[in-house]
Amino acid sequence: MRLGLFGGTFNPIHIGHLRAAVEVREAFNLDKLLLIPSATPPHKNAGDIASAEERLEMVRLAVKGTPYLEASDVELARSGLSYTIETLQY
């Protein structure tokens, strides 16, 4: 299976994120693309964003019915700041 990872704050997720996800999937011939909301984005003020759980639910609702896009809670399962390298190592 060819799997891609697409991380972001998704505050909120919008059509631009979804269009980019579809383009990435097609460009790299991926079977599935995981959309991963950052638990604690290191470069954003936490007071200005919705909770991680709310953003994950927004992503779940946005990708519902699209079998090749899936919301992932991999960064929410860890504590601390969310860095891509740590997600890849996980």
PDB file of N, CA and C in Angstrom:
ATOM      1  N   MET A   1       0.844  -1.182   0.000  1.00  0.00           N
ATOM      2  CA  MET A   1       0.000   0.000   0.000  1.00  0.00           C
ATOM      3  C   MET A   1       0.883   1.237   0.000  1.00  0.00           C
ATOM      4  N   ARG A   2       0.564   2.168  -0.880  1.00  0.00           N
ATOM      5  CA  ARG A   2       1.274   3.449  -0.927  1.00  0.00           C
ATOM      6  C   ARG A   2       0.515   4.440  -0.057  1.00  0.00           C
ATOM      7  N   LEU A   3       1.172   4.861   1.019  1.00  0.00           N
ATOM      8  CA  LEU A   3       0.546   5.704   2.031  1.00  0.00           C
ATOM      9  C   LEU A   3       1.245   7.053   2.097  1.00  0.00           C
ATOM     10  N   GLY A   4       0.464   8.124   2.139  1.00  0.00           N
ATOM     11  CA  GLY A   4       1.012   9.470   2.278  1.00  0.00           C
ATOM     12  C   GLY A   4       0.553  10.102   3.573  1.00  0.00           C
ATOM     13  N   LEU A   5       1.324  11.063   4.062  1.00  0.00           N
ATOM     14  CA  LEU A   5       1.001  11.802   5.279  1.00  0.00           C
ATOM     15  C   LEU A   5       0.871  13.279   4.943  1.00  0.00           C
ATOM     16  N   PHE A   6      -0.184  13.899   5.427  1.00  0.00           N
ATOM     17  CA  PHE A   6      -0.435  15.318   5.190  1.00  0.00           C
ATOM     18  C   PHE A   6      -0.778  15.937   6.535  1.00  0.00           C
ATOM     19  N   GLY A   7       0.186  16.595   7.128  1.00  0.00           N
ATOM     20  CA  GLY A   7      -0.016  17.210   8.431  1.00  0.00           C
ATOM     21  C   GLY A   7      -0.376  18.674   8.312  1.00  0.00           C
ATOM     22  N   GLY A   8      -1.042  19.173   9.336  1.00  0.00           N
ATOM     23  CA  GLY A   8      -1.400  20.585   9.362  1.00  0.00           C
ATOM     24  C   GLY A   8      -2.162  20.925  10.619  1.00  0.00           C
ATOM     25  N   THR A   9      -2.362  22.204  10.815  1.00  0.00           N
ATOM     26  CA  THR A   9      -3.159  22.637  11.953  1.00  0.00           C
ATOM     27  C   THR A   9      -4.636  22.377  11.669  1.00  0.00           C
ATOM     28  N   PHE A  10      -5.056  22.589  10.426  1.00  0.00           N
ATOM     29  CA  PHE A  10      -6.442  22.391  10.009  1.00  0.00           C
ATOM     30  C   PHE A  10      -7.395  23.152  10.938  1.00  0.00           C
ATOM     31  N   ASN A  11      -7.180  24.465  11.001  1.00  0.00           N
ATOM     32  CA  ASN A  11      -7.938  25.327  11.913  1.00  0.00           C
ATOM     33  C   ASN A  11      -8.662  26.443  11.168  1.00  0.00           C
ATOM     34  N   PRO A  12      -9.720  26.152  10.483  1.00  0.00           N
ATOM     35  CA  PRO A  12     -10.320  24.841  10.261  1.00  0.00           C
ATOM     36  C   PRO A  12      -9.808  24.241   8.959  1.00  0.00           C
ATOM     37  N   ILE A  13     -10.123  22.983   8.750  1.00  0.00           N
ATOM     38  CA  ILE A  13      -9.840  22.384   7.446  1.00  0.00           C
ATOM     39  C   ILE A  13     -10.759  23.069   6.431  1.00  0.00           C
ATOM     40  N   HIS A  14     -10.269  23.260   5.209  1.00  0.00           N
ATOM     41  CA  HIS A  14     -11.067  23.946   4.189  1.00  0.00           C
ATOM     42  C   HIS A  14     -10.820  23.319   2.823  1.00  0.00           C
ATOM     43  N   ILE A  15     -11.506  23.822   1.838  1.00  0.00           N
ATOM     44  CA  ILE A  15     -11.449  23.250   0.494  1.00  0.00           C
ATOM     45  C   ILE A  15     -10.028  23.266  -0.071  1.00  0.00           C
ATOM     46  N   GLY A  16      -9.223  24.246   0.305  1.00  0.00           N
ATOM     47  CA  GLY A  16      -7.831  24.283  -0.153  1.00  0.00           C
ATOM     48  C   GLY A  16      -7.039  23.090   0.354  1.00  0.00           C
ATOM     49  N   HIS A  17      -7.246  22.727   1.619  1.00  0.00           N
ATOM     50  CA  HIS A  17      -6.581  21.536   2.164  1.00  0.00           C
ATOM     51  C   HIS A  17      -7.029  20.283   1.407  1.00  0.00           C
ATOM     52  N   LEU A  18      -8.331  20.179   1.190  1.00  0.00           N
ATOM     53  CA  LEU A  18      -8.859  18.987   0.529  1.00  0.00           C
ATOM     54  C   LEU A  18      -8.400  18.899  -0.920  1.00  0.00           C
ATOM     55  N   ARG A  19      -8.362  20.034  -1.598  1.00  0.00           N
ATOM     56  CA  ARG A  19      -7.890  20.030  -2.991  1.00  0.00           C
ATOM     57  C   ARG A  19      -6.418  19.630  -3.049  1.00  0.00           C
ATOM     58  N   ALA A  20      -5.614  20.165  -2.130  1.00  0.00           N
ATOM     59  CA  ALA A  20      -4.195  19.794  -2.075  1.00  0.00           C
ATOM     60  C   ALA A  20      -4.046  18.303  -1.792  1.00  0.00           C
ATOM     61  N   ALA A  21      -4.867  17.770  -0.903  1.00  0.00           N
ATOM     62  CA  ALA A  21      -4.798  16.346  -0.572  1.00  0.00           C
ATOM     63  C   ALA A  21      -5.087  15.483  -1.799  1.00  0.00           C
ATOM     64  N   VAL A  22      -6.104  15.850  -2.558  1.00  0.00           N
ATOM     65  CA  VAL A  22      -6.445  15.102  -3.767  1.00  0.00           C
ATOM     66  C   VAL A  22      -5.310  15.197  -4.782  1.00  0.00           C
ATOM     67  N   GLU A  23      -4.748  16.389  -4.967  1.00  0.00           N
ATOM     68  CA  GLU A  23      -3.643  16.577  -5.916  1.00  0.00           C
ATOM     69  C   GLU A  23      -2.423  15.741  -5.524  1.00  0.00           C
ATOM     70  N   VAL A  24      -2.091  15.735  -4.237  1.00  0.00           N
ATOM     71  CA  VAL A  24      -0.942  14.951  -3.754  1.00  0.00           C
ATOM     72  C   VAL A  24      -1.191  13.466  -3.991  1.00  0.00           C
ATOM     73  N   ARG A  25      -2.380  13.017  -3.649  1.00  0.00           N
ATOM     74  CA  ARG A  25      -2.703  11.596  -3.849  1.00  0.00           C
ATOM     75  C   ARG A  25      -2.551  11.206  -5.314  1.00  0.00           C
ATOM     76  N   GLU A  26      -3.070  12.024  -6.198  1.00  0.00           N
ATOM     77  CA  GLU A  26      -2.990  11.721  -7.624  1.00  0.00           C
ATOM     78  C   GLU A  26      -1.557  11.809  -8.136  1.00  0.00           C
ATOM     79  N   ALA A  27      -0.818  12.826  -7.726  1.00  0.00           N
ATOM     80  CA  ALA A  27       0.553  13.030  -8.211  1.00  0.00           C
ATOM     81  C   ALA A  27       1.481  11.890  -7.815  1.00  0.00           C
ATOM     82  N   PHE A  28       1.261  11.331  -6.629  1.00  0.00           N
ATOM     83  CA  PHE A  28       2.142  10.278  -6.130  1.00  0.00           C
ATOM     84  C   PHE A  28       1.506   8.891  -6.183  1.00  0.00           C
ATOM     85  N   ASN A  29       0.348   8.788  -6.825  1.00  0.00           N
ATOM     86  CA  ASN A  29      -0.342   7.513  -6.988  1.00  0.00           C
ATOM     87  C   ASN A  29      -0.494   6.782  -5.650  1.00  0.00           C
ATOM     88  N   LEU A  30      -1.009   7.498  -4.656  1.00  0.00           N
ATOM     89  CA  LEU A  30      -1.159   6.944  -3.315  1.00  0.00           C
ATOM     90  C   LEU A  30      -2.475   6.181  -3.190  1.00  0.00           C
ATOM     91  N   ASP A  31      -2.432   5.106  -2.424  1.00  0.00           N
ATOM     92  CA  ASP A  31      -3.654   4.371  -2.117  1.00  0.00           C
ATOM     93  C   ASP A  31      -4.462   5.096  -1.045  1.00  0.00           C
ATOM     94  N   LYS A  32      -3.753   5.718  -0.122  1.00  0.00           N
ATOM     95  CA  LYS A  32      -4.407   6.409   0.992  1.00  0.00           C
ATOM     96  C   LYS A  32      -3.537   7.576   1.418  1.00  0.00           C
ATOM     97  N   LEU A  33      -4.197   8.646   1.855  1.00  0.00           N
ATOM     98  CA  LEU A  33      -3.504   9.813   2.388  1.00  0.00           C
ATOM     99  C   LEU A  33      -4.091  10.115   3.757  1.00  0.00           C
ATOM    100  N   LEU A  34      -3.235  10.107   4.776  1.00  0.00           N
ATOM    101  CA  LEU A  34      -3.659  10.420   6.135  1.00  0.00           C
ATOM    102  C   LEU A  34      -3.549  11.916   6.368  1.00  0.00           C
ATOM    103  N   LEU A  35      -4.609  12.528   6.832  1.00  0.00           N
ATOM    104  CA  LEU A  35      -4.592  13.937   7.223  1.00  0.00           C
ATOM    105  C   LEU A  35      -4.418  13.970   8.731  1.00  0.00           C
ATOM    106  N   ILE A  36      -3.335  14.593   9.181  1.00  0.00           N
ATOM    107  CA  ILE A  36      -2.916  14.526  10.578  1.00  0.00           C
ATOM    108  C   ILE A  36      -2.937  15.914  11.207  1.00  0.00           C
ATOM    109  N   PRO A  37      -3.955  16.206  12.010  1.00  0.00           N
ATOM    110  CA  PRO A  37      -3.951  17.487  12.721  1.00  0.00           C
ATOM    111  C   PRO A  37      -2.835  17.518  13.766  1.00  0.00           C
ATOM    112  N   SER A  38      -2.138  18.636  13.841  1.00  0.00           N
ATOM    113  CA  SER A  38      -1.099  18.813  14.855  1.00  0.00           C
ATOM    114  C   SER A  38      -1.750  18.926  16.222  1.00  0.00           C
ATOM    115  N   ALA A  39      -1.227  18.186  17.187  1.00  0.00           N
ATOM    116  CA  ALA A  39      -1.760  18.272  18.549  1.00  0.00           C
ATOM    117  C   ALA A  39      -1.465  19.651  19.123  1.00  0.00           C
ATOM    118  N   THR A  40      -0.193  20.014  19.124  1.00  0.00           N
ATOM    119  CA  THR A  40       0.254  21.319  19.612  1.00  0.00           C
ATOM    120  C   THR A  40       1.202  21.894  18.572  1.00  0.00           C
ATOM    121  N   PRO A  41       0.697  22.692  17.642  1.00  0.00           N
ATOM    122  CA  PRO A  41       1.563  23.245  16.597  1.00  0.00           C
ATOM    123  C   PRO A  41       2.648  24.131  17.212  1.00  0.00           C
ATOM    124  N   PRO A  42       3.916  23.873  16.899  1.00  0.00           N
ATOM    125  CA  PRO A  42       5.006  24.611  17.530  1.00  0.00           C
ATOM    126  C   PRO A  42       5.127  26.061  17.086  1.00  0.00           C
ATOM    127  N   HIS A  43       4.560  26.416  15.951  1.00  0.00           N
ATOM    128  CA  HIS A  43       4.760  27.756  15.401  1.00  0.00           C
ATOM    129  C   HIS A  43       3.489  28.607  15.427  1.00  0.00           C
ATOM    130  N   LYS A  44       2.523  28.197  16.247  1.00  0.00           N
ATOM    131  CA  LYS A  44       1.270  28.949  16.324  1.00  0.00           C
ATOM    132  C   LYS A  44       0.897  29.172  17.780  1.00  0.00           C
ATOM    133  N   ASN A  45       0.179  30.248  18.018  1.00  0.00           N
ATOM    134  CA  ASN A  45      -0.295  30.568  19.356  1.00  0.00           C
ATOM    135  C   ASN A  45      -1.482  29.662  19.682  1.00  0.00           C
ATOM    136  N   ALA A  46      -1.330  28.813  20.685  1.00  0.00           N
ATOM    137  CA  ALA A  46      -2.363  27.837  21.034  1.00  0.00           C
ATOM    138  C   ALA A  46      -3.695  28.494  21.371  1.00  0.00           C
ATOM    139  N   GLY A  47      -3.671  29.721  21.857  1.00  0.00           N
ATOM    140  CA  GLY A  47      -4.910  30.410  22.196  1.00  0.00           C
ATOM    141  C   GLY A  47      -5.740  30.799  20.992  1.00  0.00           C
ATOM    142  N   ASP A  48      -5.129  30.771  19.808  1.00  0.00           N
ATOM    143  CA  ASP A  48      -5.815  31.190  18.587  1.00  0.00           C
ATOM    144  C   ASP A  48      -6.414  30.037  17.791  1.00  0.00           C
ATOM    145  N   ILE A  49      -6.285  28.808  18.287  1.00  0.00           N
ATOM    146  CA  ILE A  49      -6.770  27.666  17.513  1.00  0.00           C
ATOM    147  C   ILE A  49      -7.756  26.828  18.320  1.00  0.00           C
ATOM    148  N   ALA A  50      -8.600  26.107  17.601  1.00  0.00           N
ATOM    149  CA  ALA A  50      -9.546  25.190  18.240  1.00  0.00           C
ATOM    150  C   ALA A  50      -8.762  24.059  18.895  1.00  0.00           C
ATOM    151  N   SER A  51      -9.406  23.345  19.784  1.00  0.00           N
ATOM    152  CA  SER A  51      -8.731  22.231  20.454  1.00  0.00           C
ATOM    153  C   SER A  51      -8.356  21.159  19.431  1.00  0.00           C
ATOM    154  N   ALA A  52      -7.371  20.359  19.774  1.00  0.00           N
ATOM    155  CA  ALA A  52      -6.928  19.285  18.887  1.00  0.00           C
ATOM    156  C   ALA A  52      -8.081  18.336  18.576  1.00  0.00           C
ATOM    157  N   GLU A  53      -8.879  18.030  19.569  1.00  0.00           N
ATOM    158  CA  GLU A  53     -10.008  17.114  19.374  1.00  0.00           C
ATOM    159  C   GLU A  53     -11.046  17.707  18.421  1.00  0.00           C
ATOM    160  N   GLU A  54     -11.299  19.006  18.538  1.00  0.00           N
ATOM    161  CA  GLU A  54     -12.254  19.662  17.638  1.00  0.00           C
ATOM    162  C   GLU A  54     -11.725  19.670  16.206  1.00  0.00           C
ATOM    163  N   ARG A  55     -10.438  19.947  16.047  1.00  0.00           N
ATOM    164  CA  ARG A  55      -9.847  19.968  14.708  1.00  0.00           C
ATOM    165  C   ARG A  55      -9.830  18.571  14.093  1.00  0.00           C
ATOM    166  N   LEU A  56      -9.562  17.545  14.903  1.00  0.00           N
ATOM    167  CA  LEU A  56      -9.611  16.171  14.404  1.00  0.00           C
ATOM    168  C   LEU A  56     -11.023  15.835  13.928  1.00  0.00           C
ATOM    169  N   GLU A  57     -12.015  16.216  14.687  1.00  0.00           N
ATOM    170  CA  GLU A  57     -13.404  15.944  14.295  1.00  0.00           C
ATOM    171  C   GLU A  57     -13.759  16.686  13.006  1.00  0.00           C
ATOM    172  N   MET A  58     -13.272  17.926  12.846  1.00  0.00           N
ATOM    173  CA  MET A  58     -13.513  18.663  11.602  1.00  0.00           C
ATOM    174  C   MET A  58     -12.910  17.915  10.418  1.00  0.00           C
ATOM    175  N   VAL A  59     -11.697  17.382  10.598  1.00  0.00           N
ATOM    176  CA  VAL A  59     -11.050  16.623   9.518  1.00  0.00           C
ATOM    177  C   VAL A  59     -11.856  15.360   9.227  1.00  0.00           C
ATOM    178  N   ARG A  60     -12.281  14.664  10.261  1.00  0.00           N
ATOM    179  CA  ARG A  60     -13.082  13.444  10.058  1.00  0.00           C
ATOM    180  C   ARG A  60     -14.337  13.739   9.242  1.00  0.00           C
ATOM    181  N   LEU A  61     -15.016  14.812   9.588  1.00  0.00           N
ATOM    182  CA  LEU A  61     -16.229  15.179   8.855  1.00  0.00           C
ATOM    183  C   LEU A  61     -15.916  15.566   7.412  1.00  0.00           C
ATOM    184  N   ALA A  62     -14.804  16.252   7.205  1.00  0.00           N
ATOM    185  CA  ALA A  62     -14.440  16.719   5.861  1.00  0.00           C
ATOM    186  C   ALA A  62     -14.080  15.572   4.921  1.00  0.00           C
ATOM    187  N   VAL A  63     -13.494  14.497   5.446  1.00  0.00           N
ATOM    188  CA  VAL A  63     -13.055  13.389   4.585  1.00  0.00           C
ATOM    189  C   VAL A  63     -14.055  12.237   4.552  1.00  0.00           C
ATOM    190  N   LYS A  64     -15.115  12.348   5.335  1.00  0.00           N
ATOM    191  CA  LYS A  64     -16.128  11.292   5.379  1.00  0.00           C
ATOM    192  C   LYS A  64     -16.658  11.027   3.971  1.00  0.00           C
ATOM    193  N   GLY A  65     -16.680   9.765   3.592  1.00  0.00           N
ATOM    194  CA  GLY A  65     -17.178   9.390   2.276  1.00  0.00           C
ATOM    195  C   GLY A  65     -16.123   9.404   1.185  1.00  0.00           C
ATOM    196  N   THR A  66     -14.890   9.757   1.534  1.00  0.00           N
ATOM    197  CA  THR A  66     -13.784   9.735   0.572  1.00  0.00           C
ATOM    198  C   THR A  66     -12.822   8.643   1.025  1.00  0.00           C
ATOM    199  N   PRO A  67     -12.911   7.450   0.443  1.00  0.00           N
ATOM    200  CA  PRO A  67     -12.190   6.288   0.974  1.00  0.00           C
ATOM    201  C   PRO A  67     -10.668   6.408   0.983  1.00  0.00           C
ATOM    202  N   TYR A  68     -10.108   7.231   0.130  1.00  0.00           N
ATOM    203  CA  TYR A  68      -8.651   7.346   0.076  1.00  0.00           C
ATOM    204  C   TYR A  68      -8.102   8.459   0.968  1.00  0.00           C
ATOM    205  N   LEU A  69      -8.977   9.193   1.648  1.00  0.00           N
ATOM    206  CA  LEU A  69      -8.550  10.194   2.629  1.00  0.00           C
ATOM    207  C   LEU A  69      -9.013   9.739   4.003  1.00  0.00           C
ATOM    208  N   GLU A  70      -8.124   9.857   4.992  1.00  0.00           N
ATOM    209  CA  GLU A  70      -8.456   9.400   6.340  1.00  0.00           C
ATOM    210  C   GLU A  70      -7.869  10.350   7.374  1.00  0.00           C
ATOM    211  N   ALA A  71      -8.652  10.673   8.381  1.00  0.00           N
ATOM    212  CA  ALA A  71      -8.163  11.474   9.506  1.00  0.00           C
ATOM    213  C   ALA A  71      -7.362  10.561  10.425  1.00  0.00           C
ATOM    214  N   SER A  72      -6.247  11.074  10.937  1.00  0.00           N
ATOM    215  CA  SER A  72      -5.405  10.300  11.848  1.00  0.00           C
ATOM    216  C   SER A  72      -5.169  11.084  13.128  1.00  0.00           C
ATOM    217  N   ASP A  73      -5.217  10.381  14.245  1.00  0.00           N
ATOM    218  CA  ASP A  73      -4.958  11.008  15.543  1.00  0.00           C
ATOM    219  C   ASP A  73      -3.554  10.709  16.057  1.00  0.00           C
ATOM    220  N   VAL A  74      -2.647  10.323  15.165  1.00  0.00           N
ATOM    221  CA  VAL A  74      -1.304   9.910  15.577  1.00  0.00           C
ATOM    222  C   VAL A  74      -0.589  10.993  16.389  1.00  0.00           C
ATOM    223  N   GLU A  75      -0.750  12.260  16.030  1.00  0.00           N
ATOM    224  CA  GLU A  75      -0.078  13.313  16.793  1.00  0.00           C
ATOM    225  C   GLU A  75      -0.825  13.639  18.082  1.00  0.00           C
ATOM    226  N   LEU A  76      -2.112  13.404  18.102  1.00  0.00           N
ATOM    227  CA  LEU A  76      -2.880  13.650  19.322  1.00  0.00           C
ATOM    228  C   LEU A  76      -2.560  12.613  20.389  1.00  0.00           C
ATOM    229  N   ALA A  77      -2.111  11.435  19.969  1.00  0.00           N
ATOM    230  CA  ALA A  77      -1.786  10.356  20.905  1.00  0.00           C
ATOM    231  C   ALA A  77      -0.485  10.624  21.657  1.00  0.00           C
ATOM    232  N   ARG A  78       0.317  11.541  21.139  1.00  0.00           N
ATOM    233  CA  ARG A  78       1.587  11.888  21.797  1.00  0.00           C
ATOM    234  C   ARG A  78       1.411  13.186  22.565  1.00  0.00           C
ATOM    235  N   SER A  79       2.266  13.396  23.536  1.00  0.00           N
ATOM    236  CA  SER A  79       2.217  14.663  24.273  1.00  0.00           C
ATOM    237  C   SER A  79       3.289  15.608  23.736  1.00  0.00           C
ATOM    238  N   GLY A  80       3.157  16.868  24.050  1.00  0.00           N
ATOM    239  CA  GLY A  80       4.157  17.854  23.653  1.00  0.00           C
ATOM    240  C   GLY A  80       3.896  18.445  22.286  1.00  0.00           C
ATOM    241  N   LEU A  81       4.878  19.207  21.814  1.00  0.00           N
ATOM    242  CA  LEU A  81       4.778  19.857  20.511  1.00  0.00           C
ATOM    243  C   LEU A  81       4.787  18.824  19.393  1.00  0.00           C
ATOM    244  N   SER A  82       4.198  19.179  18.266  1.00  0.00           N
ATOM    245  CA  SER A  82       4.102  18.276  17.123  1.00  0.00           C
ATOM    246  C   SER A  82       5.122  18.668  16.063  1.00  0.00           C
ATOM    247  N   TYR A  83       6.097  17.806  15.858  1.00  0.00           N
ATOM    248  CA  TYR A  83       7.089  18.008  14.805  1.00  0.00           C
ATOM    249  C   TYR A  83       6.997  16.851  13.815  1.00  0.00           C
ATOM    250  N   THR A  84       7.088  17.150  12.530  1.00  0.00           N
ATOM    251  CA  THR A  84       6.952  16.141  11.486  1.00  0.00           C
ATOM    252  C   THR A  84       7.928  14.991  11.669  1.00  0.00           C
ATOM    253  N   ILE A  85       9.168  15.283  11.989  1.00  0.00           N
ATOM    254  CA  ILE A  85      10.171  14.222  12.125  1.00  0.00           C
ATOM    255  C   ILE A  85       9.757  13.208  13.185  1.00  0.00           C
ATOM    256  N   GLU A  86       9.156  13.675  14.267  1.00  0.00           N
ATOM    257  CA  GLU A  86       8.718  12.758  15.323  1.00  0.00           C
ATOM    258  C   GLU A  86       7.533  11.910  14.860  1.00  0.00           C
ATOM    259  N   THR A  87       6.671  12.486  14.053  1.00  0.00           N
ATOM    260  CA  THR A  87       5.546  11.722  13.509  1.00  0.00           C
ATOM    261  C   THR A  87       6.058  10.634  12.578  1.00  0.00           C
ATOM    262  N   LEU A  88       7.030  10.956  11.751  1.00  0.00           N
ATOM    263  CA  LEU A  88       7.594   9.961  10.838  1.00  0.00           C
ATOM    264  C   LEU A  88       8.288   8.834  11.594  1.00  0.00           C
ATOM    265  N   GLN A  89       8.928   9.157  12.699  1.00  0.00           N
ATOM    266  CA  GLN A  89       9.617   8.144  13.497  1.00  0.00           C
ATOM    267  C   GLN A  89       8.636   7.275  14.270  1.00  0.00           C
ATOM    268  N   TYR A  90       7.456   7.805  14.549  1.00  0.00           N
ATOM    269  CA  TYR A  90       6.441   7.098  15.316  1.00  0.00           C
ATOM    270  C   TYR A  90       5.946   5.916  14.528  1.00  0.00           C
TER     271      TYR A  90
END
